[in-house]
Amino acid sequence: MIDDLANRVRALEGHQIAAAPDQVNLLYANLRLLEVQEEYDRALEAMLAADEHRRQALNSMRNVAGKYRAVIEQFHLPRTPPP
C-alpha cells in the first residue's frame, strides 16, 4: 500500500497525468496519512510518558538508597575513622 502511494506521488511530481490518482484516491490517501500521523502521535506520547515514569522511579530509588545508606552509617559505621 505504501509502495502504491509512493508511486502515485512520484507520478504526480513527474506530471504524468495518465498515472495520476483520482480525487477519491487522493482523499483516501490523505485520510490514511492522517490516521498514521495520529497513531504516531499516540505512540510518541506513550513513549514520553513511559520515560517520565522511569525518571520518577529512578529518583524514588535514589531517595530510598540515600535513606538506606544514612541508616547503615548511623548504626554500623564508627563515627570516627579507626586509628
PDB file of N, CA and C in Angstrom:
ATOM      1  N   MET A   1       0.829  -1.193   0.000  1.00  0.00           N
ATOM      2  CA  MET A   1       0.000   0.000   0.000  1.00  0.00           C
ATOM      3  C   MET A   1       0.874   1.257   0.000  1.00  0.00           C
ATOM      4  N   ILE A   2       1.951   1.227   0.800  1.00  0.00           N
ATOM      5  CA  ILE A   2       2.848   2.386   0.844  1.00  0.00           C
ATOM      6  C   ILE A   2       3.574   2.550  -0.480  1.00  0.00           C
ATOM      7  N   ASP A   3       3.990   1.407  -1.086  1.00  0.00           N
ATOM      8  CA  ASP A   3       4.654   1.485  -2.394  1.00  0.00           C
ATOM      9  C   ASP A   3       3.721   2.073  -3.441  1.00  0.00           C
ATOM     10  N   ASP A   4       2.451   1.660  -3.392  1.00  0.00           N
ATOM     11  CA  ASP A   4       1.467   2.196  -4.343  1.00  0.00           C
ATOM     12  C   ASP A   4       1.317   3.698  -4.167  1.00  0.00           C
ATOM     13  N   LEU A   5       1.231   4.132  -2.896  1.00  0.00           N
ATOM     14  CA  LEU A   5       1.103   5.561  -2.620  1.00  0.00           C
ATOM     15  C   LEU A   5       2.348   6.313  -3.089  1.00  0.00           C
ATOM     16  N   ALA A   6       3.528   5.740  -2.847  1.00  0.00           N
ATOM     17  CA  ALA A   6       4.771   6.387  -3.297  1.00  0.00           C
ATOM     18  C   ALA A   6       4.803   6.488  -4.822  1.00  0.00           C
ATOM     19  N   ASN A   7       4.364   5.455  -5.512  1.00  0.00           N
ATOM     20  CA  ASN A   7       4.317   5.502  -6.980  1.00  0.00           C
ATOM     21  C   ASN A   7       3.363   6.585  -7.460  1.00  0.00           C
ATOM     22  N   ARG A   8       2.252   6.739  -6.771  1.00  0.00           N
ATOM     23  CA  ARG A   8       1.286   7.775  -7.160  1.00  0.00           C
ATOM     24  C   ARG A   8       1.861   9.177  -6.931  1.00  0.00           C
ATOM     25  N   VAL A   9       2.571   9.347  -5.828  1.00  0.00           N
ATOM     26  CA  VAL A   9       3.185  10.652  -5.559  1.00  0.00           C
ATOM     27  C   VAL A   9       4.246  10.949  -6.619  1.00  0.00           C
ATOM     28  N   ARG A  10       5.062   9.950  -6.942  1.00  0.00           N
ATOM     29  CA  ARG A  10       6.074  10.157  -7.997  1.00  0.00           C
ATOM     30  C   ARG A  10       5.418  10.517  -9.323  1.00  0.00           C
ATOM     31  N   ALA A  11       4.294   9.888  -9.611  1.00  0.00           N
ATOM     32  CA  ALA A  11       3.590  10.187 -10.858  1.00  0.00           C
ATOM     33  C   ALA A  11       3.102  11.634 -10.855  1.00  0.00           C
ATOM     34  N   LEU A  12       2.584  12.085  -9.721  1.00  0.00           N
ATOM     35  CA  LEU A  12       2.135  13.478  -9.634  1.00  0.00           C
ATOM     36  C   LEU A  12       3.303  14.441  -9.773  1.00  0.00           C
ATOM     37  N   GLU A  13       4.405  14.125  -9.114  1.00  0.00           N
ATOM     38  CA  GLU A  13       5.569  15.009  -9.189  1.00  0.00           C
ATOM     39  C   GLU A  13       6.146  15.048 -10.591  1.00  0.00           C
ATOM     40  N   GLY A  14       6.046  13.931 -11.315  1.00  0.00           N
ATOM     41  CA  GLY A  14       6.555  13.869 -12.688  1.00  0.00           C
ATOM     42  C   GLY A  14       5.540  14.340 -13.707  1.00  0.00           C
ATOM     43  N   HIS A  15       4.402  14.845 -13.241  1.00  0.00           N
ATOM     44  CA  HIS A  15       3.339  15.360 -14.108  1.00  0.00           C
ATOM     45  C   HIS A  15       2.853  14.311 -15.105  1.00  0.00           C
ATOM     46  N   GLN A  16       2.805  13.061 -14.664  1.00  0.00           N
ATOM     47  CA  GLN A  16       2.274  12.002 -15.509  1.00  0.00           C
ATOM     48  C   GLN A  16       0.778  11.913 -15.252  1.00  0.00           C
ATOM     49  N   ILE A  17       0.043  12.670 -15.995  1.00  0.00           N
ATOM     50  CA  ILE A  17      -1.398  12.821 -15.766  1.00  0.00           C
ATOM     51  C   ILE A  17      -2.120  11.483 -15.884  1.00  0.00           C
ATOM     52  N   ALA A  18      -1.724  10.649 -16.814  1.00  0.00           N
ATOM     53  CA  ALA A  18      -2.412   9.373 -17.011  1.00  0.00           C
ATOM     54  C   ALA A  18      -2.290   8.493 -15.771  1.00  0.00           C
ATOM     55  N   ALA A  19      -1.191   8.605 -15.084  1.00  0.00           N
ATOM     56  CA  ALA A  19      -0.968   7.766 -13.915  1.00  0.00           C
ATOM     57  C   ALA A  19      -1.425   8.443 -12.624  1.00  0.00           C
ATOM     58  N   ALA A  20      -1.899   9.672 -12.726  1.00  0.00           N
ATOM     59  CA  ALA A  20      -2.276  10.410 -11.521  1.00  0.00           C
ATOM     60  C   ALA A  20      -3.531   9.797 -10.894  1.00  0.00           C
ATOM     61  N   PRO A  21      -3.553   9.706  -9.565  1.00  0.00           N
ATOM     62  CA  PRO A  21      -4.745   9.157  -8.908  1.00  0.00           C
ATOM     63  C   PRO A  21      -5.913  10.130  -9.002  1.00  0.00           C
ATOM     64  N   ASP A  22      -7.105   9.581  -8.959  1.00  0.00           N
ATOM     65  CA  ASP A  22      -8.280  10.453  -8.990  1.00  0.00           C
ATOM     66  C   ASP A  22      -8.504  11.081  -7.617  1.00  0.00           C
ATOM     67  N   GLN A  23      -9.462  11.984  -7.533  1.00  0.00           N
ATOM     68  CA  GLN A  23      -9.709  12.733  -6.301  1.00  0.00           C
ATOM     69  C   GLN A  23     -10.113  11.832  -5.140  1.00  0.00           C
ATOM     70  N   VAL A  24     -10.859  10.753  -5.434  1.00  0.00           N
ATOM     71  CA  VAL A  24     -11.277   9.839  -4.371  1.00  0.00           C
ATOM     72  C   VAL A  24     -10.057   9.160  -3.766  1.00  0.00           C
ATOM     73  N   ASN A  25      -9.142   8.707  -4.615  1.00  0.00           N
ATOM     74  CA  ASN A  25      -7.930   8.058  -4.111  1.00  0.00           C
ATOM     75  C   ASN A  25      -7.053   9.035  -3.336  1.00  0.00           C
ATOM     76  N   LEU A  26      -6.975  10.273  -3.804  1.00  0.00           N
ATOM     77  CA  LEU A  26      -6.200  11.283  -3.089  1.00  0.00           C
ATOM     78  C   LEU A  26      -6.806  11.554  -1.718  1.00  0.00           C
ATOM     79  N   LEU A  27      -8.123  11.641  -1.663  1.00  0.00           N
ATOM     80  CA  LEU A  27      -8.795  11.869  -0.392  1.00  0.00           C
ATOM     81  C   LEU A  27      -8.549  10.701   0.552  1.00  0.00           C
ATOM     82  N   TYR A  28      -8.671   9.480   0.025  1.00  0.00           N
ATOM     83  CA  TYR A  28      -8.419   8.295   0.831  1.00  0.00           C
ATOM     84  C   TYR A  28      -6.971   8.292   1.333  1.00  0.00           C
ATOM     85  N   ALA A  29      -6.033   8.599   0.464  1.00  0.00           N
ATOM     86  CA  ALA A  29      -4.628   8.622   0.860  1.00  0.00           C
ATOM     87  C   ALA A  29      -4.394   9.654   1.957  1.00  0.00           C
ATOM     88  N   ASN A  30      -4.996  10.829   1.803  1.00  0.00           N
ATOM     89  CA  ASN A  30      -4.837  11.868   2.827  1.00  0.00           C
ATOM     90  C   ASN A  30      -5.433  11.430   4.162  1.00  0.00           C
ATOM     91  N   LEU A  31      -6.599  10.789   4.122  1.00  0.00           N
ATOM     92  CA  LEU A  31      -7.210  10.310   5.360  1.00  0.00           C
ATOM     93  C   LEU A  31      -6.355   9.237   6.025  1.00  0.00           C
ATOM     94  N   ARG A  32      -5.817   8.344   5.223  1.00  0.00           N
ATOM     95  CA  ARG A  32      -4.944   7.302   5.776  1.00  0.00           C
ATOM     96  C   ARG A  32      -3.682   7.920   6.370  1.00  0.00           C
ATOM     97  N   LEU A  33      -3.111   8.918   5.690  1.00  0.00           N
ATOM     98  CA  LEU A  33      -1.922   9.579   6.222  1.00  0.00           C
ATOM     99  C   LEU A  33      -2.233  10.266   7.546  1.00  0.00           C
ATOM    100  N   LEU A  34      -3.415  10.865   7.662  1.00  0.00           N
ATOM    101  CA  LEU A  34      -3.810  11.478   8.930  1.00  0.00           C
ATOM    102  C   LEU A  34      -3.956  10.428  10.024  1.00  0.00           C
ATOM    103  N   GLU A  35      -4.512   9.262   9.680  1.00  0.00           N
ATOM    104  CA  GLU A  35      -4.632   8.174  10.654  1.00  0.00           C
ATOM    105  C   GLU A  35      -3.261   7.722  11.139  1.00  0.00           C
ATOM    106  N   VAL A  36      -2.340   7.567  10.200  1.00  0.00           N
ATOM    107  CA  VAL A  36      -0.989   7.138  10.556  1.00  0.00           C
ATOM    108  C   VAL A  36      -0.321   8.195  11.431  1.00  0.00           C
ATOM    109  N   GLN A  37      -0.506   9.463  11.106  1.00  0.00           N
ATOM    110  CA  GLN A  37       0.070  10.543  11.909  1.00  0.00           C
ATOM    111  C   GLN A  37      -0.498  10.529  13.321  1.00  0.00           C
ATOM    112  N   GLU A  38      -1.810  10.312  13.457  1.00  0.00           N
ATOM    113  CA  GLU A  38      -2.425  10.239  14.778  1.00  0.00           C
ATOM    114  C   GLU A  38      -1.893   9.050  15.565  1.00  0.00           C
ATOM    115  N   GLU A  39      -1.715   7.914  14.904  1.00  0.00           N
ATOM    116  CA  GLU A  39      -1.160   6.730  15.570  1.00  0.00           C
ATOM    117  C   GLU A  39       0.272   6.999  16.033  1.00  0.00           C
ATOM    118  N   TYR A  40       1.059   7.664  15.191  1.00  0.00           N
ATOM    119  CA  TYR A  40       2.425   8.031  15.558  1.00  0.00           C
ATOM    120  C   TYR A  40       2.424   8.961  16.770  1.00  0.00           C
ATOM    121  N   ASP A  41       1.542   9.949  16.767  1.00  0.00           N
ATOM    122  CA  ASP A  41       1.461  10.881  17.891  1.00  0.00           C
ATOM    123  C   ASP A  41       1.109  10.166  19.192  1.00  0.00           C
ATOM    124  N   ARG A  42       0.158   9.213  19.123  1.00  0.00           N
ATOM    125  CA  ARG A  42      -0.203   8.450  20.326  1.00  0.00           C
ATOM    126  C   ARG A  42       0.976   7.623  20.823  1.00  0.00           C
ATOM    127  N   ALA A  43       1.706   6.997  19.908  1.00  0.00           N
ATOM    128  CA  ALA A  43       2.867   6.194  20.298  1.00  0.00           C
ATOM    129  C   ALA A  43       3.943   7.077  20.921  1.00  0.00           C
ATOM    130  N   LEU A  44       4.162   8.257  20.367  1.00  0.00           N
ATOM    131  CA  LEU A  44       5.151   9.185  20.909  1.00  0.00           C
ATOM    132  C   LEU A  44       4.755   9.648  22.307  1.00  0.00           C
ATOM    133  N   GLU A  45       3.481   9.957  22.503  1.00  0.00           N
ATOM    134  CA  GLU A  45       3.007  10.368  23.826  1.00  0.00           C
ATOM    135  C   GLU A  45       3.203   9.244  24.845  1.00  0.00           C
ATOM    136  N   ALA A  46       2.912   8.003  24.443  1.00  0.00           N
ATOM    137  CA  ALA A  46       3.089   6.865  25.348  1.00  0.00           C
ATOM    138  C   ALA A  46       4.558   6.684  25.709  1.00  0.00           C
ATOM    139  N   MET A  47       5.438   6.852  24.722  1.00  0.00           N
ATOM    140  CA  MET A  47       6.869   6.706  24.975  1.00  0.00           C
ATOM    141  C   MET A  47       7.361   7.786  25.933  1.00  0.00           C
ATOM    142  N   LEU A  48       6.932   9.015  25.724  1.00  0.00           N
ATOM    143  CA  LEU A  48       7.358  10.097  26.604  1.00  0.00           C
ATOM    144  C   LEU A  48       6.819   9.906  28.014  1.00  0.00           C
ATOM    145  N   ALA A  49       5.582   9.417  28.135  1.00  0.00           N
ATOM    146  CA  ALA A  49       5.013   9.149  29.453  1.00  0.00           C
ATOM    147  C   ALA A  49       5.803   8.052  30.153  1.00  0.00           C
ATOM    148  N   ALA A  50       6.174   7.018  29.410  1.00  0.00           N
ATOM    149  CA  ALA A  50       6.962   5.927  29.991  1.00  0.00           C
ATOM    150  C   ALA A  50       8.314   6.455  30.461  1.00  0.00           C
ATOM    151  N   ASP A  51       8.930   7.332  29.679  1.00  0.00           N
ATOM    152  CA  ASP A  51      10.207   7.923  30.087  1.00  0.00           C
ATOM    153  C   ASP A  51      10.052   8.718  31.380  1.00  0.00           C
ATOM    154  N   GLU A  52       8.965   9.450  31.504  1.00  0.00           N
ATOM    155  CA  GLU A  52       8.723  10.243  32.711  1.00  0.00           C
ATOM    156  C   GLU A  52       8.531   9.319  33.913  1.00  0.00           C
ATOM    157  N   HIS A  53       7.802   8.224  33.724  1.00  0.00           N
ATOM    158  CA  HIS A  53       7.620   7.267  34.817  1.00  0.00           C
ATOM    159  C   HIS A  53       8.952   6.643  35.236  1.00  0.00           C
ATOM    160  N   ARG A  54       9.791   6.322  34.258  1.00  0.00           N
ATOM    161  CA  ARG A  54      11.115   5.758  34.571  1.00  0.00           C
ATOM    162  C   ARG A  54      11.953   6.766  35.342  1.00  0.00           C
ATOM    163  N   ARG A  55      11.897   8.029  34.944  1.00  0.00           N
ATOM    164  CA  ARG A  55      12.661   9.064  35.632  1.00  0.00           C
ATOM    165  C   ARG A  55      12.189   9.206  37.080  1.00  0.00           C
ATOM    166  N   GLN A  56      10.878   9.208  37.277  1.00  0.00           N
ATOM    167  CA  GLN A  56      10.337   9.316  38.631  1.00  0.00           C
ATOM    168  C   GLN A  56      10.713   8.101  39.476  1.00  0.00           C
ATOM    169  N   ALA A  57      10.662   6.913  38.882  1.00  0.00           N
ATOM    170  CA  ALA A  57      11.028   5.693  39.611  1.00  0.00           C
ATOM    171  C   ALA A  57      12.500   5.724  39.992  1.00  0.00           C
ATOM    172  N   LEU A  58      13.357   6.181  39.089  1.00  0.00           N
ATOM    173  CA  LEU A  58      14.787   6.272  39.381  1.00  0.00           C
ATOM    174  C   LEU A  58      15.043   7.254  40.521  1.00  0.00           C
ATOM    175  N   ASN A  59      14.378   8.395  40.504  1.00  0.00           N
ATOM    176  CA  ASN A  59      14.537   9.363  41.590  1.00  0.00           C
ATOM    177  C   ASN A  59      14.062   8.780  42.917  1.00  0.00           C
ATOM    178  N   SER A  60      12.955   8.035  42.906  1.00  0.00           N
ATOM    179  CA  SER A  60      12.469   7.394  44.129  1.00  0.00           C
ATOM    180  C   SER A  60      13.485   6.394  44.658  1.00  0.00           C
ATOM    181  N   MET A  61      14.064   5.611  43.757  1.00  0.00           N
ATOM    182  CA  MET A  61      15.064   4.627  44.182  1.00  0.00           C
ATOM    183  C   MET A  61      16.306   5.311  44.740  1.00  0.00           C
ATOM    184  N   ARG A  62      16.707   6.414  44.141  1.00  0.00           N
ATOM    185  CA  ARG A  62      17.856   7.155  44.667  1.00  0.00           C
ATOM    186  C   ARG A  62      17.567   7.686  46.069  1.00  0.00           C
ATOM    187  N   ASN A  63      16.358   8.192  46.280  1.00  0.00           N
ATOM    188  CA  ASN A  63      15.986   8.681  47.612  1.00  0.00           C
ATOM    189  C   ASN A  63      16.026   7.563  48.644  1.00  0.00           C
ATOM    190  N   VAL A  64      15.475   6.410  48.295  1.00  0.00           N
ATOM    191  CA  VAL A  64      15.468   5.278  49.214  1.00  0.00           C
ATOM    192  C   VAL A  64      16.892   4.805  49.477  1.00  0.00           C
ATOM    193  N   ALA A  65      17.720   4.759  48.452  1.00  0.00           N
ATOM    194  CA  ALA A  65      19.116   4.340  48.639  1.00  0.00           C
ATOM    195  C   ALA A  65      19.839   5.303  49.570  1.00  0.00           C
ATOM    196  N   GLY A  66      19.553   6.589  49.453  1.00  0.00           N
ATOM    197  CA  GLY A  66      20.164   7.580  50.351  1.00  0.00           C
ATOM    198  C   GLY A  66      19.731   7.362  51.789  1.00  0.00           C
ATOM    199  N   LYS A  67      18.453   7.073  51.993  1.00  0.00           N
ATOM    200  CA  LYS A  67      17.962   6.791  53.341  1.00  0.00           C
ATOM    201  C   LYS A  67      18.603   5.528  53.896  1.00  0.00           C
ATOM    202  N   TYR A  68      18.715   4.513  53.075  1.00  0.00           N
ATOM    203  CA  TYR A  68      19.330   3.249  53.488  1.00  0.00           C
ATOM    204  C   TYR A  68      20.771   3.483  53.917  1.00  0.00           C
ATOM    205  N   ARG A  69      21.492   4.210  53.106  1.00  0.00           N
ATOM    206  CA  ARG A  69      22.891   4.495  53.431  1.00  0.00           C
ATOM    207  C   ARG A  69      23.001   5.271  54.747  1.00  0.00           C
ATOM    208  N   ALA A  70      22.113   6.231  54.949  1.00  0.00           N
ATOM    209  CA  ALA A  70      22.141   7.023  56.186  1.00  0.00           C
ATOM    210  C   ALA A  70      21.913   6.130  57.403  1.00  0.00           C
ATOM    211  N   VAL A  71      20.985   5.184  57.299  1.00  0.00           N
ATOM    212  CA  VAL A  71      20.717   4.277  58.420  1.00  0.00           C
ATOM    213  C   VAL A  71      21.923   3.372  58.664  1.00  0.00           C
ATOM    214  N   ILE A  72      22.498   2.840  57.601  1.00  0.00           N
ATOM    215  CA  ILE A  72      23.679   1.979  57.741  1.00  0.00           C
ATOM    216  C   ILE A  72      24.811   2.753  58.405  1.00  0.00           C
ATOM    217  N   GLU A  73      25.055   3.955  57.940  1.00  0.00           N
ATOM    218  CA  GLU A  73      26.135   4.763  58.525  1.00  0.00           C
ATOM    219  C   GLU A  73      25.844   5.085  59.983  1.00  0.00           C
ATOM    220  N   GLN A  74      24.597   5.331  60.309  1.00  0.00           N
ATOM    221  CA  GLN A  74      24.240   5.689  61.679  1.00  0.00           C
ATOM    222  C   GLN A  74      24.466   4.533  62.647  1.00  0.00           C
ATOM    223  N   PHE A  75      24.138   3.321  62.230  1.00  0.00           N
ATOM    224  CA  PHE A  75      24.172   2.215  63.170  1.00  0.00           C
ATOM    225  C   PHE A  75      25.367   1.272  63.016  1.00  0.00           C
ATOM    226  N   HIS A  76      26.041   1.263  61.878  1.00  0.00           N
ATOM    227  CA  HIS A  76      27.069   0.266  61.651  1.00  0.00           C
ATOM    228  C   HIS A  76      28.474   0.812  61.441  1.00  0.00           C
ATOM    229  N   LEU A  77      28.608   2.041  61.142  1.00  0.00           N
ATOM    230  CA  LEU A  77      29.946   2.573  60.895  1.00  0.00           C
ATOM    231  C   LEU A  77      30.379   3.421  62.089  1.00  0.00           C
ATOM    232  N   PRO A  78      31.646   3.322  62.457  1.00  0.00           N
ATOM    233  CA  PRO A  78      32.117   4.177  63.583  1.00  0.00           C
ATOM    234  C   PRO A  78      32.019   5.646  63.181  1.00  0.00           C
ATOM    235  N   ARG A  79      31.814   6.456  64.175  1.00  0.00           N
ATOM    236  CA  ARG A  79      31.684   7.892  63.918  1.00  0.00           C
ATOM    237  C   ARG A  79      33.025   8.488  63.515  1.00  0.00           C
ATOM    238  N   THR A  80      34.086   7.940  63.974  1.00  0.00           N
ATOM    239  CA  THR A  80      35.410   8.441  63.586  1.00  0.00           C
ATOM    240  C   THR A  80      36.181   7.307  62.927  1.00  0.00           C
ATOM    241  N   PRO A  81      37.080   7.623  62.031  1.00  0.00           N
ATOM    242  CA  PRO A  81      37.861   6.573  61.372  1.00  0.00           C
ATOM    243  C   PRO A  81      38.727   5.838  62.396  1.00  0.00           C
ATOM    244  N   PRO A  82      38.995   4.550  62.158  1.00  0.00           N
ATOM    245  CA  PRO A  82      39.881   3.835  63.082  1.00  0.00           C
ATOM    246  C   PRO A  82      41.282   4.415  63.059  1.00  0.00           C
ATOM    247  N   PRO A  83      41.996   4.292  64.196  1.00  0.00           N
ATOM    248  CA  PRO A  83      43.363   4.874  64.259  1.00  0.00           C
ATOM    249  C   PRO A  83      44.351   4.144  63.373  1.00  0.00           C
TER     250      PRO A  83
END
